[in-house]
Amino acid sequence: MATANKNLSVYDKATIPNAKDFRFGIVVSEWNTNITEGLFNGAKEALLDCGALAENIIRWNVPGCFELTFGSKKMIATQNVDAVIAIGSVIQGETKHFDFVCDATAQGIKDLNVLTDIPVIFCVLTDNNLQQAIDRSGGIHGNKGTEAAIAAIKMAALGS
């Protein structure tokens, strides 16, 4: 397991550009809200901790992970952001729906990174069970939202 020996919330501020001059979009899936809210909170707290201004963090909600690509695309087109964080959580169920949603979401976010000049950070948990999602959204493995925010800052700096 990739996160077994890693705390997703640990970062060294000395190695991260100051985020005060950047605008960030965060697109949040409303599916599995108990998980996505934790991820959002981790991302927002890290952005603020690294100098981002609260008024330069724009949040939009979308119904589910499948809609993250469209929400991110519209965010890029209309909000003059330097980076977007796409936040979602898909938990394995009894059908192949999990595979289709995970694959389409990952491919959609990848496509935006290829087709636009604004980085879109993939902060979508694709876990086998609810406990794994809890552990990665503020639990024992830290917060993937925090990790995504740090990636967004680094990528925004790269693009500026």
C-alpha atoms as a PDB file:
ATOM      1  CA  MET A   1       0.000   0.000   0.000  1.00  0.00           C
ATOM      2  CA  ALA A   2       1.514   3.308  -1.114  1.00  0.00           C
ATOM      3  CA  THR A   3       0.391   5.305   1.926  1.00  0.00           C
ATOM      4  CA  ALA A   4       1.108   2.661   4.574  1.00  0.00           C
ATOM      5  CA  ASN A   5       4.291   4.358   5.760  1.00  0.00           C
ATOM      6  CA  LYS A   6       3.514   7.922   4.723  1.00  0.00           C
ATOM      7  CA  ASN A   7       1.544  10.724   6.317  1.00  0.00           C
ATOM      8  CA  LEU A   8      -0.135  12.581   3.458  1.00  0.00           C
ATOM      9  CA  SER A   9      -0.340  15.775   5.533  1.00  0.00           C
ATOM     10  CA  VAL A  10       3.392  16.263   6.106  1.00  0.00           C
ATOM     11  CA  TYR A  11       5.152  18.911   4.032  1.00  0.00           C
ATOM     12  CA  ASP A  12       8.158  21.176   4.383  1.00  0.00           C
ATOM     13  CA  LYS A  13       7.081  24.803   3.878  1.00  0.00           C
ATOM     14  CA  ALA A  14      10.677  25.773   3.110  1.00  0.00           C
ATOM     15  CA  THR A  15      10.460  23.781  -0.137  1.00  0.00           C
ATOM     16  CA  ILE A  16       7.101  25.173  -1.264  1.00  0.00           C
ATOM     17  CA  PRO A  17       6.598  28.451  -3.159  1.00  0.00           C
ATOM     18  CA  ASN A  18       4.532  31.123  -1.423  1.00  0.00           C
ATOM     19  CA  ALA A  19       0.953  30.827  -2.677  1.00  0.00           C
ATOM     20  CA  LYS A  20      -0.157  34.422  -2.025  1.00  0.00           C
ATOM     21  CA  ASP A  21      -0.162  35.445  -5.693  1.00  0.00           C
ATOM     22  CA  PHE A  22      -2.078  32.417  -6.986  1.00  0.00           C
ATOM     23  CA  ARG A  23      -5.802  31.694  -7.448  1.00  0.00           C
ATOM     24  CA  PHE A  24      -6.955  28.162  -6.769  1.00  0.00           C
ATOM     25  CA  GLY A  25     -10.109  26.396  -7.844  1.00  0.00           C
ATOM     26  CA  ILE A  26     -11.361  23.440  -5.856  1.00  0.00           C
ATOM     27  CA  VAL A  27     -14.065  21.285  -7.417  1.00  0.00           C
ATOM     28  CA  VAL A  28     -15.637  18.952  -4.856  1.00  0.00           C
ATOM     29  CA  SER A  29     -17.797  15.898  -5.475  1.00  0.00           C
ATOM     30  CA  GLU A  30     -20.943  15.746  -3.345  1.00  0.00           C
ATOM     31  CA  TRP A  31     -20.837  11.936  -3.384  1.00  0.00           C
ATOM     32  CA  ASN A  32     -19.344  10.518  -0.153  1.00  0.00           C
ATOM     33  CA  THR A  33     -19.536  13.976   1.419  1.00  0.00           C
ATOM     34  CA  ASN A  34     -18.201  12.719   4.751  1.00  0.00           C
ATOM     35  CA  ILE A  35     -14.941  11.986   2.916  1.00  0.00           C
ATOM     36  CA  THR A  36     -14.832  14.840   0.399  1.00  0.00           C
ATOM     37  CA  GLU A  37     -15.411  17.490   3.070  1.00  0.00           C
ATOM     38  CA  GLY A  38     -12.376  16.187   4.958  1.00  0.00           C
ATOM     39  CA  LEU A  39     -10.322  16.335   1.773  1.00  0.00           C
ATOM     40  CA  PHE A  40     -11.548  19.868   1.035  1.00  0.00           C
ATOM     41  CA  ASN A  41     -10.714  21.028   4.554  1.00  0.00           C
ATOM     42  CA  GLY A  42      -7.209  19.567   4.288  1.00  0.00           C
ATOM     43  CA  ALA A  43      -6.634  21.267   0.937  1.00  0.00           C
ATOM     44  CA  LYS A  44      -7.959  24.637   2.054  1.00  0.00           C
ATOM     45  CA  GLU A  45      -5.979  24.626   5.304  1.00  0.00           C
ATOM     46  CA  ALA A  46      -2.738  23.783   3.461  1.00  0.00           C
ATOM     47  CA  LEU A  47      -3.316  26.487   0.844  1.00  0.00           C
ATOM     48  CA  LEU A  48      -3.921  29.079   3.555  1.00  0.00           C
ATOM     49  CA  ASP A  49      -0.937  27.836   5.557  1.00  0.00           C
ATOM     50  CA  CYS A  50       1.271  28.334   2.500  1.00  0.00           C
ATOM     51  CA  GLY A  51       0.144  31.920   1.934  1.00  0.00           C
ATOM     52  CA  ALA A  52      -2.918  31.658  -0.295  1.00  0.00           C
ATOM     53  CA  LEU A  53      -5.528  34.337   0.356  1.00  0.00           C
ATOM     54  CA  ALA A  54      -8.984  33.080   1.316  1.00  0.00           C
ATOM     55  CA  GLU A  55     -10.576  35.198  -1.415  1.00  0.00           C
ATOM     56  CA  ASN A  56      -8.353  33.454  -3.986  1.00  0.00           C
ATOM     57  CA  ILE A  57      -9.746  30.008  -3.201  1.00  0.00           C
ATOM     58  CA  ILE A  58     -12.896  29.265  -5.219  1.00  0.00           C
ATOM     59  CA  ARG A  59     -14.996  26.215  -4.399  1.00  0.00           C
ATOM     60  CA  TRP A  60     -17.560  24.611  -6.662  1.00  0.00           C
ATOM     61  CA  ASN A  61     -19.537  21.462  -5.905  1.00  0.00           C
ATOM     62  CA  VAL A  62     -20.501  18.863  -8.491  1.00  0.00           C
ATOM     63  CA  PRO A  63     -22.802  15.844  -7.993  1.00  0.00           C
ATOM     64  CA  GLY A  64     -20.173  13.105  -8.251  1.00  0.00           C
ATOM     65  CA  CYS A  65     -16.680  12.180  -9.388  1.00  0.00           C
ATOM     66  CA  PHE A  66     -17.748  11.669 -12.979  1.00  0.00           C
ATOM     67  CA  GLU A  67     -18.653  15.381 -13.093  1.00  0.00           C
ATOM     68  CA  LEU A  68     -15.280  16.567 -11.752  1.00  0.00           C
ATOM     69  CA  THR A  69     -13.835  16.845 -15.259  1.00  0.00           C
ATOM     70  CA  PHE A  70     -16.579  19.144 -16.522  1.00  0.00           C
ATOM     71  CA  GLY A  71     -16.534  21.224 -13.331  1.00  0.00           C
ATOM     72  CA  SER A  72     -12.760  21.598 -13.568  1.00  0.00           C
ATOM     73  CA  LYS A  73     -12.982  22.506 -17.254  1.00  0.00           C
ATOM     74  CA  LYS A  74     -15.562  25.228 -16.557  1.00  0.00           C
ATOM     75  CA  MET A  75     -13.526  26.481 -13.591  1.00  0.00           C
ATOM     76  CA  ILE A  76     -10.493  26.894 -15.856  1.00  0.00           C
ATOM     77  CA  ALA A  77     -12.553  28.655 -18.526  1.00  0.00           C
ATOM     78  CA  THR A  78     -14.317  31.137 -16.252  1.00  0.00           C
ATOM     79  CA  GLN A  79     -12.423  31.762 -13.006  1.00  0.00           C
ATOM     80  CA  ASN A  80      -8.877  32.776 -14.009  1.00  0.00           C
ATOM     81  CA  VAL A  81      -7.303  30.187 -11.716  1.00  0.00           C
ATOM     82  CA  ASP A  82      -3.662  29.116 -11.615  1.00  0.00           C
ATOM     83  CA  ALA A  83      -4.494  25.530 -10.593  1.00  0.00           C
ATOM     84  CA  VAL A  84      -7.540  23.372  -9.900  1.00  0.00           C
ATOM     85  CA  ILE A  85      -7.867  20.595  -7.343  1.00  0.00           C
ATOM     86  CA  ALA A  86     -10.477  17.957  -8.235  1.00  0.00           C
ATOM     87  CA  ILE A  87     -11.685  16.287  -5.023  1.00  0.00           C
ATOM     88  CA  GLY A  88     -13.696  13.083  -4.897  1.00  0.00           C
ATOM     89  CA  SER A  89     -14.110   9.684  -3.310  1.00  0.00           C
ATOM     90  CA  VAL A  90     -15.137   6.439  -4.985  1.00  0.00           C
ATOM     91  CA  ILE A  91     -15.505   3.376  -2.771  1.00  0.00           C
ATOM     92  CA  GLN A  92     -15.566  -0.132  -4.242  1.00  0.00           C
ATOM     93  CA  GLY A  93     -18.995  -1.695  -4.344  1.00  0.00           C
ATOM     94  CA  GLU A  94     -20.401  -4.931  -5.681  1.00  0.00           C
ATOM     95  CA  THR A  95     -20.503  -3.897  -9.355  1.00  0.00           C
ATOM     96  CA  LYS A  96     -18.134  -2.705 -12.069  1.00  0.00           C
ATOM     97  CA  HIS A  97     -19.488   0.850 -11.673  1.00  0.00           C
ATOM     98  CA  PHE A  98     -16.435   1.613  -9.486  1.00  0.00           C
ATOM     99  CA  ASP A  99     -14.056   0.747 -12.336  1.00  0.00           C
ATOM    100  CA  PHE A 100     -15.895   2.861 -14.895  1.00  0.00           C
ATOM    101  CA  VAL A 101     -16.161   5.927 -12.661  1.00  0.00           C
ATOM    102  CA  CYS A 102     -12.527   5.726 -11.521  1.00  0.00           C
ATOM    103  CA  ASP A 103     -11.198   5.234 -15.036  1.00  0.00           C
ATOM    104  CA  ALA A 104     -13.328   7.974 -16.609  1.00  0.00           C
ATOM    105  CA  THR A 105     -12.462  10.449 -13.862  1.00  0.00           C
ATOM    106  CA  ALA A 106      -8.726   9.763 -14.044  1.00  0.00           C
ATOM    107  CA  GLN A 107      -8.750   9.967 -17.844  1.00  0.00           C
ATOM    108  CA  GLY A 108     -10.804  13.180 -17.797  1.00  0.00           C
ATOM    109  CA  ILE A 109      -8.439  14.909 -15.382  1.00  0.00           C
ATOM    110  CA  LYS A 110      -5.454  13.666 -17.404  1.00  0.00           C
ATOM    111  CA  ASP A 111      -7.045  15.060 -20.573  1.00  0.00           C
ATOM    112  CA  LEU A 112      -7.453  18.495 -19.000  1.00  0.00           C
ATOM    113  CA  ASN A 113      -3.779  18.476 -18.064  1.00  0.00           C
ATOM    114  CA  VAL A 114      -2.860  17.696 -21.654  1.00  0.00           C
ATOM    115  CA  LEU A 115      -5.311  20.106 -23.308  1.00  0.00           C
ATOM    116  CA  THR A 116      -5.047  23.188 -21.072  1.00  0.00           C
ATOM    117  CA  ASP A 117      -2.253  25.237 -19.568  1.00  0.00           C
ATOM    118  CA  ILE A 118      -3.791  25.102 -16.086  1.00  0.00           C
ATOM    119  CA  PRO A 119      -2.799  22.144 -13.907  1.00  0.00           C
ATOM    120  CA  VAL A 120      -5.605  20.016 -12.520  1.00  0.00           C
ATOM    121  CA  ILE A 121      -4.631  17.996  -9.462  1.00  0.00           C
ATOM    122  CA  PHE A 122      -6.191  14.539  -9.070  1.00  0.00           C
ATOM    123  CA  CYS A 123      -7.408  14.310  -5.467  1.00  0.00           C
ATOM    124  CA  VAL A 124      -9.805  11.419  -5.908  1.00  0.00           C
ATOM    125  CA  LEU A 125      -9.657   8.586  -3.423  1.00  0.00           C
ATOM    126  CA  THR A 126     -10.342   5.202  -5.035  1.00  0.00           C
ATOM    127  CA  ASP A 127     -10.578   2.943  -2.014  1.00  0.00           C
ATOM    128  CA  ASN A 128     -11.716  -0.611  -1.408  1.00  0.00           C
ATOM    129  CA  ASN A 129     -13.740   0.342   1.667  1.00  0.00           C
ATOM    130  CA  LEU A 130     -14.940   3.254   3.762  1.00  0.00           C
ATOM    131  CA  GLN A 131     -12.211   2.827   6.387  1.00  0.00           C
ATOM    132  CA  GLN A 132      -9.481   3.312   3.783  1.00  0.00           C
ATOM    133  CA  ALA A 133     -11.171   6.547   2.678  1.00  0.00           C
ATOM    134  CA  ILE A 134     -11.449   7.771   6.277  1.00  0.00           C
ATOM    135  CA  ASP A 135      -7.786   6.954   6.878  1.00  0.00           C
ATOM    136  CA  ARG A 136      -6.765   9.136   3.888  1.00  0.00           C
ATOM    137  CA  SER A 137      -9.110  12.095   4.431  1.00  0.00           C
ATOM    138  CA  GLY A 138      -7.809  13.180   7.812  1.00  0.00           C
ATOM    139  CA  GLY A 139      -7.313   9.820   9.529  1.00  0.00           C
ATOM    140  CA  ILE A 140      -4.263   7.738  10.349  1.00  0.00           C
ATOM    141  CA  HIS A 141      -2.604   8.331   6.973  1.00  0.00           C
ATOM    142  CA  GLY A 142      -3.164  12.084   7.064  1.00  0.00           C
ATOM    143  CA  ASN A 143      -5.066  13.944   4.387  1.00  0.00           C
ATOM    144  CA  LYS A 144      -4.780  13.498   0.625  1.00  0.00           C
ATOM    145  CA  GLY A 145      -6.355  16.966   0.302  1.00  0.00           C
ATOM    146  CA  THR A 146      -3.309  18.465   1.983  1.00  0.00           C
ATOM    147  CA  GLU A 147      -1.009  16.608  -0.398  1.00  0.00           C
ATOM    148  CA  ALA A 148      -3.075  17.795  -3.382  1.00  0.00           C
ATOM    149  CA  ALA A 149      -2.872  21.421  -2.234  1.00  0.00           C
ATOM    150  CA  ILE A 150       0.910  21.242  -2.024  1.00  0.00           C
ATOM    151  CA  ALA A 151       0.992  19.753  -5.537  1.00  0.00           C
ATOM    152  CA  ALA A 152      -1.313  22.565  -6.757  1.00  0.00           C
ATOM    153  CA  ILE A 153       0.993  25.241  -5.355  1.00  0.00           C
ATOM    154  CA  LYS A 154       4.068  23.663  -6.925  1.00  0.00           C
ATOM    155  CA  MET A 155       2.329  23.264 -10.280  1.00  0.00           C
ATOM    156  CA  ALA A 156       0.923  26.817 -10.222  1.00  0.00           C
ATOM    157  CA  ALA A 157       4.466  28.086  -9.621  1.00  0.00           C
ATOM    158  CA  LEU A 158       5.743  25.942 -12.475  1.00  0.00           C
ATOM    159  CA  GLY A 159       3.145  27.436 -14.794  1.00  0.00           C
ATOM    160  CA  SER A 160       3.745  31.068 -13.834  1.00  0.00           C
END
